[in-house]
Amino acid sequence: MKAVIQRVTRASVRSGDLEATIGPGLLVLVGLEAGDTEETCAWAAAKIASLRIFEDGDGKMNLGLQEVGGEILAISQFTLAGSIAKGRRPSFDAAMSPDAARVLFRKFLDLLKVQHPAVKSGFFQEHMEVELLNDGPVTFILER
């Protein structure tokens, strides 16, 4: 699993008539790879929900989502499982199959909601437009 975690002032995702929007919080782009399990998702959900990457009164990254009342927008992003190490065209050999990834991404969302109930999501296997206002900018990459 690979995840790109961005602290945002706001973020939204659209696909046709579907839209999900959050205010301050985290935009999490998730790439599921072959071999990822429910255990992988539980670890990632707990890690993401407990990150202290929001500034306190002294300007230090010391506060978590709970303290700032933040939301999470989680979006499945297949291309994170791609490799551009060889050639000019990406290889997706490490990516989880779409059917398995759909089930596991839903499980990830459920596990994330247990950790932090203010979770919205993108639209699996849909072409999406994502907008965000990165706060900082603050961006982290989570891999397991």
N, C-alpha and C. Protein backbone atom coordinates (compact mmCIF):
# COMPACT_ATOMS: atom_id res chain seq x y z
N MET A 1 0.85 -1.17 0.00
CA MET A 1 0.00 0.00 0.00
C MET A 1 0.89 1.23 0.00
N LYS A 2 0.49 2.15 -0.82
CA LYS A 2 1.14 3.46 -0.83
C LYS A 2 0.05 4.49 -0.63
N ALA A 3 0.36 5.51 0.17
CA ALA A 3 -0.58 6.60 0.37
C ALA A 3 0.17 7.92 0.36
N VAL A 4 -0.42 8.89 -0.31
CA VAL A 4 0.08 10.25 -0.28
C VAL A 4 -0.89 11.02 0.61
N ILE A 5 -0.37 11.61 1.66
CA ILE A 5 -1.19 12.29 2.66
C ILE A 5 -0.85 13.77 2.61
N GLN A 6 -1.86 14.58 2.33
CA GLN A 6 -1.64 16.02 2.22
C GLN A 6 -2.53 16.75 3.22
N ARG A 7 -1.90 17.65 3.98
CA ARG A 7 -2.68 18.51 4.88
C ARG A 7 -3.30 19.60 4.01
N VAL A 8 -4.62 19.74 4.11
CA VAL A 8 -5.32 20.67 3.22
C VAL A 8 -6.18 21.65 4.00
N THR A 9 -6.37 22.81 3.39
CA THR A 9 -7.34 23.77 3.88
C THR A 9 -8.73 23.36 3.39
N ARG A 10 -8.75 22.80 2.16
CA ARG A 10 -9.97 22.24 1.60
C ARG A 10 -9.58 21.30 0.46
N ALA A 11 -10.49 20.38 0.16
CA ALA A 11 -10.26 19.46 -0.96
C ALA A 11 -11.61 18.97 -1.46
N SER A 12 -11.65 18.63 -2.74
CA SER A 12 -12.88 18.08 -3.31
C SER A 12 -12.53 17.13 -4.44
N VAL A 13 -13.48 16.25 -4.72
CA VAL A 13 -13.35 15.31 -5.82
C VAL A 13 -14.70 15.27 -6.54
N ARG A 14 -14.63 15.25 -7.88
CA ARG A 14 -15.83 15.21 -8.70
C ARG A 14 -15.71 14.12 -9.76
N SER A 15 -16.85 13.50 -10.03
CA SER A 15 -16.96 12.56 -11.13
C SER A 15 -18.39 12.68 -11.65
N GLY A 16 -18.55 13.36 -12.78
CA GLY A 16 -19.90 13.59 -13.30
C GLY A 16 -20.71 14.42 -12.31
N ASP A 17 -21.84 13.87 -11.90
CA ASP A 17 -22.71 14.56 -10.92
C ASP A 17 -22.31 14.28 -9.47
N LEU A 18 -21.38 13.36 -9.27
CA LEU A 18 -20.96 13.00 -7.91
C LEU A 18 -19.89 13.96 -7.42
N GLU A 19 -19.97 14.33 -6.14
CA GLU A 19 -18.95 15.22 -5.57
C GLU A 19 -18.83 14.94 -4.08
N ALA A 20 -17.60 15.05 -3.58
CA ALA A 20 -17.33 14.98 -2.15
C ALA A 20 -16.36 16.11 -1.83
N THR A 21 -16.64 16.83 -0.75
CA THR A 21 -15.85 18.00 -0.38
C THR A 21 -15.56 17.98 1.12
N ILE A 22 -14.35 18.40 1.48
CA ILE A 22 -14.01 18.58 2.90
C ILE A 22 -13.42 19.97 3.10
N GLY A 23 -13.47 20.40 4.35
CA GLY A 23 -12.77 21.61 4.76
C GLY A 23 -11.39 21.22 5.25
N PRO A 24 -10.89 21.89 6.28
CA PRO A 24 -9.55 21.56 6.78
C PRO A 24 -9.43 20.08 7.16
N GLY A 25 -8.30 19.48 6.81
CA GLY A 25 -8.08 18.09 7.14
C GLY A 25 -7.01 17.46 6.28
N LEU A 26 -7.26 16.21 5.88
CA LEU A 26 -6.29 15.44 5.12
C LEU A 26 -6.90 14.92 3.83
N LEU A 27 -6.18 15.10 2.73
CA LEU A 27 -6.49 14.43 1.48
C LEU A 27 -5.56 13.23 1.41
N VAL A 28 -6.13 12.03 1.28
CA VAL A 28 -5.33 10.81 1.27
C VAL A 28 -5.58 10.07 -0.05
N LEU A 29 -4.52 9.97 -0.85
CA LEU A 29 -4.56 9.22 -2.10
C LEU A 29 -3.99 7.84 -1.81
N VAL A 30 -4.74 6.79 -2.13
CA VAL A 30 -4.38 5.43 -1.73
C VAL A 30 -4.18 4.53 -2.94
N GLY A 31 -3.01 3.90 -3.02
CA GLY A 31 -2.72 2.92 -4.06
C GLY A 31 -2.58 1.54 -3.43
N LEU A 32 -3.47 0.63 -3.78
CA LEU A 32 -3.41 -0.72 -3.24
C LEU A 32 -2.60 -1.61 -4.17
N GLU A 33 -1.74 -2.43 -3.56
CA GLU A 33 -0.84 -3.29 -4.32
C GLU A 33 -1.11 -4.75 -4.02
N ALA A 34 -0.73 -5.61 -4.95
CA ALA A 34 -0.87 -7.05 -4.74
C ALA A 34 -0.19 -7.41 -3.42
N GLY A 35 -0.84 -8.20 -2.62
CA GLY A 35 -0.29 -8.59 -1.33
C GLY A 35 -0.79 -7.75 -0.17
N ASP A 36 -1.42 -6.61 -0.44
CA ASP A 36 -2.01 -5.83 0.65
C ASP A 36 -3.17 -6.61 1.25
N THR A 37 -3.37 -6.45 2.54
CA THR A 37 -4.40 -7.19 3.27
C THR A 37 -5.21 -6.25 4.14
N GLU A 38 -6.20 -6.81 4.79
CA GLU A 38 -6.98 -6.05 5.76
C GLU A 38 -6.08 -5.54 6.88
N GLU A 39 -5.09 -6.33 7.25
CA GLU A 39 -4.11 -5.91 8.28
C GLU A 39 -3.34 -4.68 7.81
N THR A 40 -2.93 -4.66 6.56
CA THR A 40 -2.24 -3.50 6.00
C THR A 40 -3.13 -2.27 6.10
N CYS A 41 -4.40 -2.44 5.74
CA CYS A 41 -5.35 -1.32 5.78
C CYS A 41 -5.59 -0.84 7.21
N ALA A 42 -5.69 -1.77 8.15
CA ALA A 42 -5.90 -1.39 9.56
C ALA A 42 -4.71 -0.58 10.07
N TRP A 43 -3.51 -1.03 9.73
CA TRP A 43 -2.30 -0.29 10.15
C TRP A 43 -2.31 1.11 9.56
N ALA A 44 -2.58 1.22 8.26
CA ALA A 44 -2.57 2.51 7.58
C ALA A 44 -3.66 3.43 8.13
N ALA A 45 -4.85 2.89 8.35
CA ALA A 45 -5.96 3.71 8.87
C ALA A 45 -5.61 4.27 10.25
N ALA A 46 -5.06 3.44 11.11
CA ALA A 46 -4.68 3.90 12.45
C ALA A 46 -3.57 4.95 12.38
N LYS A 47 -2.61 4.73 11.51
CA LYS A 47 -1.49 5.67 11.36
C LYS A 47 -2.00 7.02 10.85
N ILE A 48 -2.80 7.00 9.79
CA ILE A 48 -3.28 8.23 9.19
C ILE A 48 -4.14 9.02 10.17
N ALA A 49 -5.06 8.34 10.83
CA ALA A 49 -5.98 9.03 11.74
C ALA A 49 -5.28 9.59 12.97
N SER A 50 -4.12 9.06 13.32
CA SER A 50 -3.43 9.51 14.53
C SER A 50 -2.27 10.48 14.28
N LEU A 51 -2.02 10.80 13.00
CA LEU A 51 -0.91 11.71 12.70
C LEU A 51 -1.11 13.07 13.36
N ARG A 52 -0.04 13.59 13.93
CA ARG A 52 -0.06 14.93 14.52
C ARG A 52 0.70 15.86 13.59
N ILE A 53 0.00 16.34 12.56
CA ILE A 53 0.67 17.16 11.54
C ILE A 53 0.01 18.53 11.37
N PHE A 54 -0.77 18.91 12.37
CA PHE A 54 -1.37 20.25 12.37
C PHE A 54 -0.67 21.10 13.42
N GLU A 55 -0.51 22.37 13.12
CA GLU A 55 0.26 23.25 13.99
C GLU A 55 -0.49 23.63 15.25
N ASP A 56 0.26 23.66 16.36
CA ASP A 56 -0.29 24.16 17.62
C ASP A 56 -0.05 25.66 17.71
N GLY A 57 -0.32 26.24 18.84
CA GLY A 57 -0.16 27.68 19.03
C GLY A 57 1.27 28.17 18.87
N ASP A 58 2.23 27.27 19.00
CA ASP A 58 3.65 27.62 18.84
C ASP A 58 4.17 27.35 17.43
N GLY A 59 3.27 26.96 16.53
CA GLY A 59 3.68 26.69 15.15
C GLY A 59 4.34 25.34 14.96
N LYS A 60 4.24 24.44 15.93
CA LYS A 60 4.84 23.10 15.83
C LYS A 60 3.77 22.09 15.40
N MET A 61 4.17 21.13 14.58
CA MET A 61 3.25 20.05 14.20
C MET A 61 3.04 19.18 15.42
N ASN A 62 1.93 19.43 16.11
CA ASN A 62 1.70 18.77 17.38
C ASN A 62 0.24 18.36 17.58
N LEU A 63 -0.64 18.73 16.64
CA LEU A 63 -2.06 18.44 16.80
C LEU A 63 -2.54 17.45 15.74
N GLY A 64 -3.52 16.64 16.14
CA GLY A 64 -4.10 15.68 15.23
C GLY A 64 -5.46 16.13 14.73
N LEU A 65 -6.05 15.29 13.90
CA LEU A 65 -7.37 15.59 13.33
C LEU A 65 -8.41 15.87 14.40
N GLN A 66 -8.39 15.09 15.47
CA GLN A 66 -9.39 15.26 16.53
C GLN A 66 -9.32 16.67 17.12
N GLU A 67 -8.09 17.13 17.42
CA GLU A 67 -7.91 18.43 18.07
C GLU A 67 -8.31 19.60 17.17
N VAL A 68 -8.16 19.44 15.87
CA VAL A 68 -8.47 20.55 14.96
C VAL A 68 -9.83 20.40 14.30
N GLY A 69 -10.53 19.32 14.59
CA GLY A 69 -11.83 19.09 13.98
C GLY A 69 -11.75 18.86 12.49
N GLY A 70 -10.67 18.23 12.04
CA GLY A 70 -10.44 18.02 10.62
C GLY A 70 -11.20 16.84 10.04
N GLU A 71 -11.29 16.82 8.72
CA GLU A 71 -11.95 15.76 7.98
C GLU A 71 -10.92 15.03 7.12
N ILE A 72 -11.32 13.89 6.59
CA ILE A 72 -10.47 13.13 5.68
C ILE A 72 -11.22 12.91 4.38
N LEU A 73 -10.54 13.15 3.27
CA LEU A 73 -11.04 12.77 1.94
C LEU A 73 -10.09 11.72 1.41
N ALA A 74 -10.56 10.48 1.31
CA ALA A 74 -9.73 9.36 0.85
C ALA A 74 -10.13 8.99 -0.58
N ILE A 75 -9.13 8.88 -1.45
CA ILE A 75 -9.38 8.60 -2.86
C ILE A 75 -8.49 7.44 -3.30
N SER A 76 -9.10 6.42 -3.87
CA SER A 76 -8.32 5.32 -4.42
C SER A 76 -7.62 5.82 -5.68
N GLN A 77 -6.31 5.62 -5.74
CA GLN A 77 -5.54 6.09 -6.89
C GLN A 77 -4.64 4.97 -7.38
N PHE A 78 -5.13 4.26 -8.36
CA PHE A 78 -4.46 3.12 -8.97
C PHE A 78 -3.03 3.43 -9.40
N THR A 79 -2.79 4.63 -9.90
CA THR A 79 -1.47 4.95 -10.46
C THR A 79 -0.37 4.98 -9.41
N LEU A 80 -0.71 5.09 -8.13
CA LEU A 80 0.32 5.04 -7.09
C LEU A 80 1.01 3.68 -7.05
N ALA A 81 0.34 2.66 -7.53
CA ALA A 81 0.93 1.31 -7.57
C ALA A 81 1.75 1.09 -8.83
N GLY A 82 1.82 2.10 -9.67
CA GLY A 82 2.58 1.99 -10.92
C GLY A 82 4.06 2.27 -10.71
N SER A 83 4.85 1.80 -11.66
CA SER A 83 6.29 2.04 -11.64
C SER A 83 6.70 2.69 -12.96
N ILE A 84 7.53 3.72 -12.86
CA ILE A 84 8.08 4.36 -14.06
C ILE A 84 9.60 4.20 -14.10
N ALA A 85 10.10 3.17 -13.40
CA ALA A 85 11.53 2.95 -13.31
C ALA A 85 12.15 2.55 -14.65
N LYS A 86 11.43 1.79 -15.46
CA LYS A 86 11.96 1.33 -16.73
C LYS A 86 11.11 1.86 -17.87
N GLY A 87 11.76 2.20 -18.93
CA GLY A 87 11.03 2.63 -20.12
C GLY A 87 10.31 3.95 -19.94
N ARG A 88 9.39 4.21 -20.86
CA ARG A 88 8.65 5.47 -20.85
C ARG A 88 7.18 5.27 -20.51
N ARG A 89 6.76 4.03 -20.46
CA ARG A 89 5.36 3.74 -20.16
C ARG A 89 5.27 3.08 -18.79
N PRO A 90 4.34 3.51 -17.95
CA PRO A 90 4.24 2.93 -16.60
C PRO A 90 3.89 1.44 -16.63
N SER A 91 4.40 0.73 -15.65
CA SER A 91 4.05 -0.67 -15.44
C SER A 91 3.16 -0.73 -14.20
N PHE A 92 2.08 -1.48 -14.30
CA PHE A 92 1.16 -1.64 -13.17
C PHE A 92 1.15 -3.07 -12.66
N ASP A 93 2.26 -3.77 -12.85
CA ASP A 93 2.36 -5.17 -12.42
C ASP A 93 2.16 -5.34 -10.91
N ALA A 94 2.53 -4.35 -10.12
CA ALA A 94 2.42 -4.46 -8.67
C ALA A 94 1.03 -4.10 -8.15
N ALA A 95 0.17 -3.57 -9.01
CA ALA A 95 -1.16 -3.13 -8.58
C ALA A 95 -2.07 -4.31 -8.28
N MET A 96 -2.94 -4.11 -7.31
CA MET A 96 -3.95 -5.10 -6.97
C MET A 96 -5.01 -5.10 -8.08
N SER A 97 -5.61 -6.25 -8.34
CA SER A 97 -6.67 -6.33 -9.35
C SER A 97 -7.82 -5.41 -8.94
N PRO A 98 -8.54 -4.84 -9.90
CA PRO A 98 -9.62 -3.91 -9.57
C PRO A 98 -10.69 -4.49 -8.65
N ASP A 99 -11.10 -5.74 -8.87
CA ASP A 99 -12.15 -6.33 -8.02
C ASP A 99 -11.69 -6.47 -6.57
N ALA A 100 -10.47 -6.96 -6.39
CA ALA A 100 -9.93 -7.11 -5.04
C ALA A 100 -9.68 -5.74 -4.40
N ALA A 101 -9.19 -4.79 -5.19
CA ALA A 101 -8.91 -3.45 -4.66
C ALA A 101 -10.19 -2.74 -4.24
N ARG A 102 -11.28 -2.94 -4.98
CA ARG A 102 -12.56 -2.32 -4.62
C ARG A 102 -12.99 -2.78 -3.22
N VAL A 103 -12.93 -4.07 -2.98
CA VAL A 103 -13.32 -4.64 -1.69
C VAL A 103 -12.40 -4.13 -0.59
N LEU A 104 -11.09 -4.16 -0.84
CA LEU A 104 -10.14 -3.75 0.20
C LEU A 104 -10.19 -2.25 0.46
N PHE A 105 -10.43 -1.44 -0.56
CA PHE A 105 -10.54 0.01 -0.35
C PHE A 105 -11.77 0.32 0.50
N ARG A 106 -12.88 -0.38 0.25
CA ARG A 106 -14.07 -0.19 1.10
C ARG A 106 -13.76 -0.55 2.55
N LYS A 107 -13.00 -1.63 2.73
CA LYS A 107 -12.61 -2.04 4.09
C LYS A 107 -11.72 -0.98 4.71
N PHE A 108 -10.78 -0.44 3.93
CA PHE A 108 -9.93 0.65 4.42
C PHE A 108 -10.77 1.82 4.89
N LEU A 109 -11.78 2.21 4.09
CA LEU A 109 -12.65 3.32 4.48
C LEU A 109 -13.38 3.02 5.78
N ASP A 110 -13.89 1.80 5.91
CA ASP A 110 -14.58 1.41 7.16
C ASP A 110 -13.64 1.49 8.35
N LEU A 111 -12.42 1.00 8.18
CA LEU A 111 -11.43 1.04 9.27
C LEU A 111 -11.04 2.48 9.60
N LEU A 112 -10.94 3.32 8.59
CA LEU A 112 -10.61 4.73 8.80
C LEU A 112 -11.74 5.42 9.57
N LYS A 113 -12.98 5.11 9.24
CA LYS A 113 -14.13 5.72 9.93
C LYS A 113 -14.22 5.31 11.38
N VAL A 114 -13.73 4.12 11.71
CA VAL A 114 -13.68 3.70 13.11
C VAL A 114 -12.70 4.59 13.87
N GLN A 115 -11.60 4.93 13.22
CA GLN A 115 -10.57 5.77 13.84
C GLN A 115 -10.99 7.24 13.90
N HIS A 116 -11.68 7.70 12.84
CA HIS A 116 -12.06 9.11 12.72
C HIS A 116 -13.32 9.17 11.86
N PRO A 117 -14.47 9.48 12.43
CA PRO A 117 -15.73 9.35 11.70
C PRO A 117 -15.94 10.33 10.53
N ALA A 118 -15.20 11.43 10.49
CA ALA A 118 -15.41 12.44 9.44
C ALA A 118 -14.60 12.08 8.20
N VAL A 119 -15.06 11.04 7.48
CA VAL A 119 -14.36 10.54 6.30
C VAL A 119 -15.31 10.59 5.10
N LYS A 120 -14.82 11.14 4.01
CA LYS A 120 -15.52 11.10 2.73
C LYS A 120 -14.59 10.42 1.74
N SER A 121 -15.14 9.99 0.61
CA SER A 121 -14.29 9.27 -0.33
C SER A 121 -14.57 9.66 -1.77
N GLY A 122 -13.61 9.29 -2.61
CA GLY A 122 -13.75 9.45 -4.05
C GLY A 122 -14.61 8.32 -4.59
N PHE A 123 -14.54 8.11 -5.88
CA PHE A 123 -15.43 7.19 -6.57
C PHE A 123 -14.60 6.15 -7.30
N PHE A 124 -14.61 4.95 -6.78
CA PHE A 124 -13.73 3.89 -7.24
C PHE A 124 -13.88 3.64 -8.73
N GLN A 125 -12.75 3.55 -9.41
CA GLN A 125 -12.63 3.24 -10.84
C GLN A 125 -13.38 4.22 -11.73
N GLU A 126 -13.54 5.43 -11.26
CA GLU A 126 -14.15 6.49 -12.06
C GLU A 126 -13.08 7.51 -12.42
N HIS A 127 -13.27 8.19 -13.53
CA HIS A 127 -12.40 9.32 -13.85
C HIS A 127 -12.82 10.45 -12.91
N MET A 128 -11.86 11.00 -12.17
CA MET A 128 -12.18 12.02 -11.17
C MET A 128 -11.35 13.27 -11.39
N GLU A 129 -11.92 14.38 -10.98
CA GLU A 129 -11.19 15.64 -10.91
C GLU A 129 -11.02 15.96 -9.43
N VAL A 130 -9.77 16.14 -9.02
CA VAL A 130 -9.46 16.41 -7.62
C VAL A 130 -8.90 17.82 -7.51
N GLU A 131 -9.45 18.58 -6.58
CA GLU A 131 -8.92 19.91 -6.29
C GLU A 131 -8.54 19.94 -4.82
N LEU A 132 -7.45 20.64 -4.53
CA LEU A 132 -7.04 20.78 -3.15
C LEU A 132 -6.28 22.08 -2.96
N LEU A 133 -6.34 22.56 -1.75
CA LEU A 133 -5.50 23.67 -1.34
C LEU A 133 -4.61 23.12 -0.25
N ASN A 134 -3.37 22.78 -0.64
CA ASN A 134 -2.42 22.18 0.29
C ASN A 134 -2.02 23.23 1.31
N ASP A 135 -2.07 22.88 2.58
CA ASP A 135 -1.78 23.78 3.68
C ASP A 135 -0.34 23.56 4.13
N GLY A 136 0.53 24.47 3.81
CA GLY A 136 1.92 24.39 4.26
C GLY A 136 2.93 24.74 3.18
N PRO A 137 3.15 23.97 2.19
CA PRO A 137 2.56 22.67 1.90
C PRO A 137 3.10 21.58 2.83
N VAL A 138 2.21 20.69 3.21
CA VAL A 138 2.57 19.54 4.05
C VAL A 138 2.11 18.28 3.32
N THR A 139 3.05 17.44 2.94
CA THR A 139 2.77 16.20 2.22
C THR A 139 3.67 15.09 2.73
N PHE A 140 3.08 13.94 3.01
CA PHE A 140 3.84 12.78 3.45
C PHE A 140 3.48 11.58 2.59
N ILE A 141 4.43 10.65 2.47
CA ILE A 141 4.20 9.41 1.75
C ILE A 141 4.28 8.26 2.74
N LEU A 142 3.25 7.44 2.74
CA LEU A 142 3.17 6.27 3.62
C LEU A 142 3.28 5.03 2.75
N GLU A 143 4.21 4.14 3.09
CA GLU A 143 4.36 2.89 2.34
C GLU A 143 4.46 1.73 3.30
N ARG A 144 3.85 0.63 2.90
CA ARG A 144 3.99 -0.60 3.66
C ARG A 144 3.88 -1.76 2.73
